[in-house]
Protein backbone atom coordinates (compact mmCIF):
# COMPACT_ATOMS: atom_id res chain seq x y z
CA MET A 1 27.21 17.49 -18.52
CA TYR A 2 24.02 18.96 -17.00
CA LEU A 3 21.21 17.85 -18.86
CA GLY A 4 18.21 18.42 -16.46
CA LEU A 5 16.55 21.52 -18.18
CA VAL A 6 14.93 19.79 -21.09
CA PRO A 7 11.69 21.38 -22.57
CA GLU A 8 8.59 20.84 -20.41
CA PRO A 9 5.57 19.14 -22.10
CA THR A 10 2.59 21.11 -21.84
CA CYS A 11 0.46 17.99 -20.24
CA ILE A 12 1.87 15.07 -18.99
CA PRO A 13 1.99 12.51 -21.82
CA ASN A 14 0.25 8.89 -21.68
CA VAL A 15 3.04 7.13 -22.68
CA MET A 16 6.78 7.35 -23.57
CA ALA A 17 7.82 4.03 -24.26
CA THR A 18 9.11 1.94 -27.07
CA SER A 19 7.60 -1.17 -26.44
CA GLU A 20 4.29 -2.50 -25.83
CA LEU A 21 5.04 -4.41 -22.29
CA SER A 22 6.58 -0.75 -21.32
CA GLN A 23 3.30 0.86 -22.68
CA SER A 24 0.89 -1.04 -20.52
CA TYR A 25 3.42 -1.01 -17.85
CA LEU A 26 3.38 2.73 -17.90
CA LYS A 27 -0.93 2.79 -18.25
CA ALA A 28 -0.94 1.08 -15.41
CA ILE A 29 1.02 3.03 -13.12
CA GLN A 30 -0.73 6.35 -14.40
CA ASN A 31 -4.14 4.81 -13.53
CA ARG A 32 -2.69 3.92 -9.94
CA ARG A 33 -4.33 6.75 -8.13
CA THR A 34 -6.23 6.82 -4.34
CA ILE A 35 -9.85 6.79 -4.99
CA TYR A 36 -12.40 6.34 -1.51
CA SER A 37 -15.53 6.27 -2.58
CA LEU A 38 -15.77 2.44 -2.52
CA SER A 39 -18.27 -0.26 -2.32
CA ASP A 40 -18.56 -4.12 -2.17
CA LYS A 41 -19.97 -5.17 -5.22
CA PRO A 42 -17.86 -8.19 -6.30
CA ILE A 43 -15.31 -7.79 -9.31
CA LEU A 44 -13.68 -11.01 -8.65
CA PRO A 45 -14.14 -14.18 -6.49
CA ASP A 46 -12.10 -13.89 -3.10
CA ALA A 47 -9.34 -16.74 -4.32
CA GLN A 48 -8.18 -14.64 -7.02
CA ILE A 49 -7.85 -11.86 -5.01
CA VAL A 50 -5.42 -13.82 -2.72
CA GLN A 51 -3.50 -15.34 -6.02
CA LEU A 52 -2.76 -11.80 -7.24
CA ILE A 53 -1.78 -10.48 -4.10
CA GLN A 54 0.79 -13.35 -3.91
CA GLN A 55 2.05 -12.98 -6.77
CA ALA A 56 2.68 -9.20 -6.55
CA VAL A 57 4.28 -9.54 -3.29
CA ARG A 58 6.44 -12.26 -4.68
CA GLU A 59 7.91 -10.58 -7.13
CA ALA A 60 8.29 -7.12 -5.00
CA PRO A 61 12.27 -6.70 -4.56
CA SER A 62 14.06 -6.18 -1.09
CA SER A 63 17.52 -5.63 0.38
CA PHE A 64 19.68 -8.81 -0.21
CA ASN A 65 16.42 -10.67 -1.21
CA VAL A 66 15.44 -11.05 2.29
CA GLN A 67 11.93 -11.07 1.84
CA SER A 68 11.06 -9.43 4.85
CA SER A 69 7.11 -8.05 3.85
CA ARG A 70 4.50 -10.01 5.33
CA VAL A 71 0.77 -9.86 4.47
CA VAL A 72 -2.41 -10.54 6.04
CA VAL A 73 -5.44 -10.22 3.86
CA LEU A 74 -9.07 -9.36 5.64
CA LEU A 75 -12.26 -10.34 3.76
CA GLY A 76 -15.68 -10.24 4.18
CA GLY A 77 -16.35 -10.47 8.28
CA GLN A 78 -13.20 -9.90 8.91
CA HIS A 79 -12.68 -6.80 7.06
CA ASP A 80 -16.06 -5.26 8.59
CA HIS A 81 -14.47 -6.23 12.13
CA TYR A 82 -11.51 -4.35 11.69
CA TRP A 83 -12.95 -0.92 10.87
CA ASN A 84 -16.05 -1.67 12.81
CA ARG A 85 -14.47 -2.70 15.88
CA ILE A 86 -10.92 -2.96 16.12
CA VAL A 87 -10.05 0.60 14.61
CA PRO A 88 -12.83 2.48 16.72
CA THR A 89 -11.77 0.57 19.84
CA SER A 90 -7.73 1.42 19.19
CA LEU A 91 -8.93 4.72 18.80
CA ARG A 92 -10.97 5.22 21.68
CA ILE A 93 -8.49 3.93 23.98
CA SER A 94 -5.76 6.28 22.70
CA SER A 95 -8.19 9.23 22.08
CA THR A 96 -11.52 10.26 23.51
CA ASP A 97 -15.32 9.27 22.11
CA GLU A 98 -15.46 12.73 20.27
CA ALA A 99 -12.73 11.91 18.23
CA VAL A 100 -14.17 8.37 17.22
CA GLU A 101 -17.53 9.72 16.39
CA THR A 102 -15.85 12.35 14.08
CA ALA A 103 -13.95 9.23 12.61
CA LYS A 104 -17.18 6.77 12.28
CA PRO A 105 -17.71 8.63 8.67
CA LYS A 106 -14.62 7.68 7.33
CA LEU A 107 -14.10 4.44 9.11
CA HIS A 108 -17.60 3.52 7.34
CA GLY A 109 -16.36 4.63 4.09
CA PHE A 110 -13.55 1.99 4.39
CA GLN A 111 -15.66 -0.50 5.74
CA SER A 112 -18.22 -0.45 2.71
CA ALA A 113 -15.11 -1.72 0.26
CA ILE A 114 -14.69 -5.21 -0.26
CA GLY A 115 -11.10 -5.93 1.31
CA THR A 116 -8.19 -4.17 3.18
CA ILE A 117 -4.99 -5.50 2.60
CA LEU A 118 -2.27 -5.30 6.49
CA PHE A 119 1.20 -4.61 5.08
CA PHE A 120 3.78 -5.94 7.92
CA GLU A 121 7.67 -6.20 7.93
CA ASP A 122 8.97 -9.01 10.02
CA GLU A 123 11.51 -7.40 12.08
CA ASN A 124 13.13 -10.91 13.11
CA LEU A 125 14.52 -11.02 9.30
CA ILE A 126 15.89 -7.22 9.73
CA LYS A 127 17.96 -8.40 12.96
CA SER A 128 19.20 -11.16 11.33
CA GLN A 129 20.26 -9.54 8.51
CA GLN A 130 22.02 -6.34 10.84
CA GLU A 131 24.13 -9.11 12.36
CA ASN A 132 24.95 -10.63 9.02
CA TYR A 133 26.07 -7.48 7.67
CA PRO A 134 27.04 -5.01 10.72
CA ARG A 135 28.87 -2.74 7.95
CA TYR A 136 25.28 -2.29 6.70
CA ALA A 137 23.50 -2.47 10.06
CA PRO A 138 21.96 1.21 10.17
CA ASN A 139 20.72 0.99 6.69
CA PHE A 140 18.31 -2.49 6.96
CA PRO A 141 15.38 -0.47 8.72
CA THR A 142 15.47 1.85 6.04
CA TRP A 143 15.72 -0.57 3.36
CA SER A 144 12.81 -2.83 5.12
CA LYS A 145 10.55 0.22 4.67
CA HIS A 146 11.50 0.46 0.83
CA ALA A 147 10.64 -3.36 0.72
CA SER A 148 7.29 -2.26 1.78
CA GLY A 149 6.66 0.16 0.12
CA MET A 150 7.93 -1.37 -3.10
CA ALA A 151 5.35 -4.28 -2.20
CA GLN A 152 2.48 -1.98 -1.57
CA ILE A 153 2.74 -0.36 -4.78
CA TYR A 154 2.80 -3.61 -6.79
CA VAL A 155 -0.47 -4.86 -4.94
CA TRP A 156 -1.98 -1.23 -5.35
CA THR A 157 -0.84 -1.14 -9.31
CA LEU A 158 -2.24 -5.03 -10.00
CA LEU A 159 -5.42 -4.44 -8.17
CA GLU A 160 -6.36 -1.06 -10.25
CA THR A 161 -5.57 -2.78 -13.36
CA GLU A 162 -8.53 -5.89 -12.47
CA GLY A 163 -10.87 -2.50 -11.88
CA TYR A 164 -10.28 -2.22 -7.97
CA GLY A 165 -10.62 1.23 -6.72
CA VAL A 166 -7.74 1.52 -3.58
CA ASN A 167 -6.68 3.72 -0.92
CA LEU A 168 -3.66 3.21 1.88
CA GLN A 169 -4.61 4.00 5.23
CA HIS A 170 -1.89 4.39 8.35
CA TYR A 171 -4.09 3.28 11.46
CA GLY A 172 -1.17 0.73 12.63
CA ASN A 173 0.14 2.32 15.32
CA LEU A 174 -3.27 2.20 17.22
CA THR A 175 -4.09 -1.45 15.87
CA GLU A 176 -0.57 -3.35 16.18
CA HIS A 177 -1.37 -4.97 19.42
CA ALA A 178 -5.29 -5.95 18.59
CA LEU A 179 -3.84 -7.48 15.74
CA HIS A 180 -1.23 -9.59 16.89
CA THR A 181 -3.87 -10.27 19.54
CA VAL A 182 -6.67 -11.15 17.34
CA TYR A 183 -5.00 -12.99 14.47
CA ASN A 184 -2.17 -14.51 16.62
CA LEU A 185 0.59 -12.85 14.72
CA PRO A 186 4.31 -12.89 15.48
CA GLU A 187 5.40 -9.56 17.72
CA SER A 188 8.31 -9.14 15.15
CA TYR A 189 5.54 -8.02 12.73
CA LYS A 190 5.55 -4.49 12.65
CA ILE A 191 2.75 -2.96 10.72
CA GLN A 192 3.47 -0.57 7.88
CA ALA A 193 -0.09 0.36 6.23
CA GLU A 194 -3.71 -0.98 5.16
CA MET A 195 -4.51 -1.00 1.66
CA VAL A 196 -8.29 -0.53 1.38
CA PHE A 197 -9.87 -1.69 -1.79
CA GLY A 198 -13.27 -2.04 -3.33
CA TYR A 199 -15.64 -1.37 -6.52
CA PRO A 200 -14.57 2.50 -7.54
CA GLU A 201 -17.63 4.47 -6.94
CA SER A 202 -16.18 7.58 -8.15
CA VAL A 203 -13.21 8.62 -10.39
CA ALA A 204 -9.77 9.94 -9.21
CA GLY A 205 -9.72 13.38 -9.36
CA LYS A 206 -7.35 15.88 -10.83
CA LYS A 207 -3.62 15.50 -9.87
CA ASP A 208 -1.23 18.15 -9.88
CA TYR A 209 2.03 17.35 -11.13
CA MET A 210 5.70 19.27 -10.15
CA SER A 211 8.16 20.10 -13.11
CA ASP A 212 10.00 16.68 -14.51
CA ASN A 213 12.85 19.14 -14.03
CA GLU A 214 12.29 19.64 -10.37
CA ARG A 215 12.42 15.52 -9.83
CA VAL A 216 14.66 14.28 -12.32
CA ILE A 217 18.05 15.60 -12.71
CA VAL A 218 20.37 13.99 -15.52
CA PHE A 219 23.95 14.38 -15.72
CA LYS A 220 25.98 13.24 -18.92
């Protein structure tokens, strides 16, 4: 029996949960929004930031518990170097000086934040899984991206609960070679995204929601 067409709420409810824990969780994921206007005003000590990221990545699920996600945290001068040097240089190699000049205000906005989290997936582990489970071999690259996405959302939500503003970027196809060279990363590390975080200098804009019935279909 199809139960998809349930009454639509007139507005998005704050919470629809029965326990305090689930209410807190729903509130956290509702507050997880993209914020571009960030500064480097301190919120937590660097060591505590790293601990939070480690805990979030540790708990992120992955297919067959392969734990293929790898994270590089750039703080202080390394964060500045990434947005002031590595990204512009990589842009200049693959594009034009004009494109770099056009991108400078946006890159400066990212550099003004506190730090950048680089998300990678270790392809050696994915290849190993493909060899160990040949029946599922074509699926492991997709499942790897799922794992990275879940690690990203865990870290993002946790940072937001601590008062940070966050946005997600994708310059990795341009900067991956430089990152391997500068930070001596294994070639098997394939970048997925860059997460910029800092002190939020603005609030997130209004978010439009599609109908729940278009996205969640129920059969019983």
